Amino acid sequence: MSEVPRLVVLASGRGSNFQAIQHAIEKQHLEAEIAALISDRAAAGALDMAAGHGVDTVCIQPRHFPDRNAFERTLLTAINGFSPRWVVLAGFMRVLGADFVRHYDGRMINIHPSLLPRHRGLHTHRRVLEAGEREHGASVHFVTPALDAGPVIAQARMPVAENDTPDTLADRLLPLEHRLYPATLALLLAHRVELRNEDICIDGQTITSPLRLDRDLDDDGRLVRPGDR
């Protein structure tokens, strides 16, 4: 029997996307194991949440290191100790250096609360409203050295309501994030998804735009053919 793919999740906050991934594993929608959750904040709720599921936890705080390089060397050693197939950023609120990112080239993904390439960085919900946009969403992308600039694998979309505020947008988007991330991971584990320069290839075929949840991708990570819609 082949070994179950291992994931290492990096999180800085409450851990709701970790919880969604772990829930998909427990419900057997995602054939994987979260080998560890690593946080840069001792107060992160994600640490307690992971421990409650019996997942190994590691806390590596940057303030204990003389510089970013020393912190990232320790982080890299910790991740590699769990031999993950994928490194999963789930609300990890640190910008990682280029050398660190290149070490996991094509094996590290992130979820971002916007329809990338629009609204990289912080405060995405406020910025969507300020721009008068009618659609919002979340994106799962490969991590590259430039912030939130890696090729996008999949997205979930939703309309912006006239009475939305940044808080209501965030609250409405979160359940979509909790569907999108496990679905994308299931896709990555069931298919050969490769990063070739700036292109994403699935089973040897280059995709011309991100997969869309409920249109191109179902909750179990299966690709939806046009005739199946």
Protein backbone atom coordinates (compact mmCIF):
# COMPACT_ATOMS: atom_id res chain seq x y z
CA MET A 1 0.00 0.00 0.00
CA SER A 2 1.36 3.42 -0.93
CA GLU A 3 2.11 5.88 1.86
CA VAL A 4 -0.49 8.56 2.54
CA PRO A 5 0.78 11.97 1.32
CA ARG A 6 1.98 14.19 4.12
CA LEU A 7 1.24 17.90 4.48
CA VAL A 8 2.84 20.53 6.67
CA VAL A 9 0.58 23.50 7.39
CA LEU A 10 1.95 26.93 8.34
CA ALA A 11 -0.44 29.25 10.17
CA SER A 12 -0.25 32.41 12.28
CA GLY A 13 -3.86 32.82 13.40
CA ARG A 14 -6.94 30.95 14.51
CA GLY A 15 -6.48 28.07 12.08
CA SER A 16 -9.85 27.93 10.35
CA ASN A 17 -8.36 26.78 7.04
CA PHE A 18 -6.31 24.15 8.89
CA GLN A 19 -9.58 22.98 10.44
CA ALA A 20 -11.25 22.78 7.02
CA ILE A 21 -8.41 20.67 5.61
CA GLN A 22 -8.34 18.41 8.66
CA HIS A 23 -12.12 18.01 8.49
CA ALA A 24 -11.87 16.97 4.81
CA ILE A 25 -9.26 14.36 5.78
CA GLU A 26 -11.41 12.99 8.60
CA LYS A 27 -14.43 12.81 6.29
CA GLN A 28 -12.25 10.95 3.74
CA HIS A 29 -12.75 13.63 1.10
CA LEU A 30 -9.00 14.21 1.10
CA GLU A 31 -6.54 11.33 1.18
CA ALA A 32 -3.68 12.94 3.10
CA GLU A 33 -2.22 13.40 6.55
CA ILE A 34 -1.33 16.69 8.19
CA ALA A 35 2.04 15.74 9.62
CA ALA A 36 2.49 19.00 11.51
CA LEU A 37 1.22 22.50 12.02
CA ILE A 38 3.97 25.10 12.40
CA SER A 39 3.30 28.63 13.65
CA ASP A 40 5.37 31.76 14.12
CA ARG A 41 3.15 32.93 16.99
CA ALA A 42 2.90 31.24 20.38
CA ALA A 43 -0.62 32.65 20.85
CA ALA A 44 -1.93 31.30 17.53
CA GLY A 45 -5.20 29.45 18.02
CA ALA A 46 -4.14 27.10 15.24
CA LEU A 47 -1.64 25.46 17.60
CA ASP A 48 -4.32 24.46 20.10
CA MET A 49 -6.67 23.42 17.32
CA ALA A 50 -4.05 21.14 15.75
CA ALA A 51 -3.08 19.65 19.10
CA GLY A 52 -6.75 18.87 19.69
CA HIS A 53 -6.71 16.75 16.53
CA GLY A 54 -3.54 14.94 17.58
CA VAL A 55 -1.41 16.77 15.00
CA ASP A 56 2.20 17.55 15.91
CA THR A 57 2.77 21.26 16.52
CA VAL A 58 5.87 23.42 16.35
CA CYS A 59 6.22 27.09 17.29
CA ILE A 60 9.18 29.00 15.85
CA GLN A 61 9.10 32.67 16.82
CA PRO A 62 11.18 35.11 14.74
CA ARG A 63 12.05 37.21 17.79
CA HIS A 64 14.25 34.38 19.01
CA PHE A 65 16.57 34.72 16.00
CA PRO A 66 19.11 37.39 15.04
CA ASP A 67 17.71 37.84 11.51
CA ARG A 68 15.27 36.48 8.97
CA ASN A 69 17.79 34.10 7.43
CA ALA A 70 18.39 32.37 10.76
CA PHE A 71 14.64 32.11 11.37
CA GLU A 72 14.00 30.67 7.90
CA ARG A 73 16.84 28.14 8.19
CA THR A 74 15.25 26.80 11.36
CA LEU A 75 11.80 26.83 9.77
CA LEU A 76 13.09 24.93 6.74
CA THR A 77 14.75 22.31 8.96
CA ALA A 78 11.53 21.86 10.93
CA ILE A 79 9.42 21.44 7.79
CA ASN A 80 11.83 19.00 6.18
CA GLY A 81 11.84 16.90 9.33
CA PHE A 82 8.24 15.91 8.56
CA SER A 83 8.98 14.98 4.90
CA PRO A 84 5.91 16.69 3.39
CA ARG A 85 4.77 16.36 -0.18
CA TRP A 86 3.14 19.79 0.06
CA VAL A 87 3.77 22.82 2.26
CA VAL A 88 0.45 24.57 2.85
CA LEU A 89 0.29 28.22 3.95
CA ALA A 90 -2.99 28.80 5.77
CA GLY A 91 -2.97 32.33 7.13
CA PHE A 92 0.79 32.41 7.64
CA MET A 93 1.40 36.13 8.02
CA ARG A 94 5.08 36.36 7.19
CA VAL A 95 6.71 37.23 3.88
CA LEU A 96 9.16 34.42 3.13
CA GLY A 97 12.53 35.04 1.51
CA ALA A 98 13.34 34.08 -2.06
CA ASP A 99 15.81 31.31 -1.16
CA PHE A 100 13.30 29.71 1.19
CA VAL A 101 10.53 29.84 -1.40
CA ARG A 102 12.74 28.40 -4.13
CA HIS A 103 13.58 25.43 -1.91
CA TYR A 104 9.90 24.41 -2.17
CA ASP A 105 9.41 25.47 -5.77
CA GLY A 106 6.26 23.83 -7.08
CA ARG A 107 5.47 22.27 -3.68
CA MET A 108 4.22 25.22 -1.63
CA ILE A 109 0.76 26.76 -1.95
CA ASN A 110 -1.15 29.59 -0.32
CA ILE A 111 -4.75 30.75 -0.09
CA HIS A 112 -5.42 34.47 -0.55
CA PRO A 113 -8.75 36.29 -0.03
CA SER A 114 -9.06 37.96 -3.41
CA LEU A 115 -9.40 37.12 -7.06
CA LEU A 116 -5.71 37.30 -7.86
CA PRO A 117 -3.96 39.02 -9.54
CA ARG A 118 -6.26 41.72 -8.13
CA HIS A 119 -5.61 42.92 -4.58
CA ARG A 120 -2.39 41.27 -3.52
CA GLY A 121 -1.38 41.85 0.08
CA LEU A 122 -3.58 42.95 2.98
CA HIS A 123 -7.04 44.52 3.47
CA THR A 124 -8.51 42.85 0.40
CA HIS A 125 -12.16 43.11 1.46
CA ARG A 126 -11.96 46.88 2.01
CA ARG A 127 -10.09 47.34 -1.25
CA VAL A 128 -12.74 45.40 -3.21
CA LEU A 129 -15.43 47.72 -1.87
CA GLU A 130 -13.38 50.85 -2.50
CA ALA A 131 -12.87 49.75 -6.11
CA GLY A 132 -16.62 49.27 -6.57
CA GLU A 133 -16.19 45.70 -7.72
CA ARG A 134 -19.20 43.43 -8.10
CA GLU A 135 -17.37 40.16 -7.53
CA HIS A 136 -15.04 38.91 -4.81
CA GLY A 137 -13.43 35.59 -4.06
CA ALA A 138 -10.45 33.55 -2.94
CA SER A 139 -7.48 32.10 -4.82
CA VAL A 140 -5.16 29.17 -4.19
CA HIS A 141 -1.80 29.78 -5.83
CA PHE A 142 1.72 28.46 -5.99
CA VAL A 143 4.05 30.46 -3.77
CA THR A 144 6.81 32.31 -5.63
CA PRO A 145 9.25 34.94 -4.32
CA ALA A 146 6.99 37.88 -5.22
CA LEU A 147 4.15 38.43 -2.72
CA ASP A 148 0.87 36.77 -3.80
CA ALA A 149 2.12 36.70 -7.39
CA GLY A 150 2.43 32.96 -8.04
CA PRO A 151 0.31 31.26 -10.73
CA VAL A 152 -3.25 30.64 -9.53
CA ILE A 153 -4.48 27.06 -9.50
CA ALA A 154 -8.11 27.54 -8.49
CA GLN A 155 -10.57 30.20 -7.36
CA ALA A 156 -13.96 30.51 -5.71
CA ARG A 157 -16.13 33.49 -6.59
CA MET A 158 -19.11 35.26 -5.06
CA PRO A 159 -21.09 38.45 -5.78
CA VAL A 160 -20.61 41.63 -3.75
CA ALA A 161 -23.88 42.86 -2.23
CA GLU A 162 -24.84 46.54 -2.14
CA ASN A 163 -24.86 46.60 1.66
CA ASP A 164 -21.62 44.65 2.15
CA THR A 165 -18.96 45.89 4.53
CA PRO A 166 -15.40 44.54 4.82
CA ASP A 167 -16.56 42.41 7.74
CA THR A 168 -19.59 40.95 5.98
CA LEU A 169 -17.51 40.22 2.89
CA ALA A 170 -14.94 38.41 5.02
CA ASP A 171 -17.64 36.42 6.82
CA ARG A 172 -19.33 35.37 3.58
CA LEU A 173 -16.08 34.48 1.87
CA LEU A 174 -14.70 32.26 4.63
CA PRO A 175 -17.00 29.27 3.97
CA LEU A 176 -15.92 29.40 0.31
CA GLU A 177 -12.26 29.37 1.38
CA HIS A 178 -13.01 26.33 3.53
CA ARG A 179 -14.32 24.51 0.46
CA LEU A 180 -11.73 25.77 -2.00
CA TYR A 181 -8.56 24.81 -0.11
CA PRO A 182 -9.39 21.11 0.52
CA ALA A 183 -10.73 20.78 -3.03
CA THR A 184 -7.52 22.20 -4.48
CA LEU A 185 -5.38 19.94 -2.30
CA ALA A 186 -7.42 16.93 -3.43
CA LEU A 187 -6.75 17.97 -7.03
CA LEU A 188 -3.01 18.27 -6.36
CA LEU A 189 -2.88 14.81 -4.80
CA ALA A 190 -4.98 13.08 -7.45
CA HIS A 191 -3.42 14.64 -10.55
CA ARG A 192 0.02 15.64 -11.80
CA VAL A 193 -0.10 19.38 -11.25
CA GLU A 194 3.16 21.05 -12.21
CA LEU A 195 4.49 24.58 -12.18
CA ARG A 196 6.40 25.20 -15.42
CA ASN A 197 7.83 28.70 -15.35
CA GLU A 198 4.64 30.78 -15.02
CA ASP A 199 2.31 28.10 -16.37
CA ILE A 200 0.31 25.43 -14.53
CA CYS A 201 0.04 22.05 -16.22
CA ILE A 202 -2.47 19.42 -15.12
CA ASP A 203 -1.65 15.94 -16.40
CA GLY A 204 0.50 17.52 -19.08
CA GLN A 205 -2.11 20.06 -20.22
CA THR A 206 -1.55 23.78 -19.63
CA ILE A 207 -4.53 25.59 -18.13
CA THR A 208 -5.20 29.03 -19.55
CA SER A 209 -7.07 30.37 -16.51
CA PRO A 210 -7.59 29.29 -12.90
CA LEU A 211 -9.98 26.42 -12.26
CA ARG A 212 -13.24 27.65 -10.80
CA LEU A 213 -14.90 25.86 -7.89
CA ASP A 214 -18.33 24.48 -8.86
CA ARG A 215 -17.64 25.09 -12.55
CA ASP A 216 -14.35 23.28 -13.25
CA LEU A 217 -13.65 21.66 -9.89
CA ASP A 218 -15.89 19.94 -7.36
CA ASP A 219 -15.47 19.76 -3.59
CA ASP A 220 -13.62 16.45 -3.81
CA GLY A 221 -11.03 17.82 -6.22
CA ARG A 222 -12.47 16.15 -9.30
CA LEU A 223 -12.22 17.98 -12.59
CA VAL A 224 -15.66 18.69 -13.99
CA ARG A 225 -16.01 18.01 -17.69
CA PRO A 226 -18.37 20.29 -19.68
CA GLY A 227 -20.85 17.45 -20.15
CA ASP A 228 -21.00 16.85 -16.39
CA ARG A 229 -22.08 20.38 -15.45
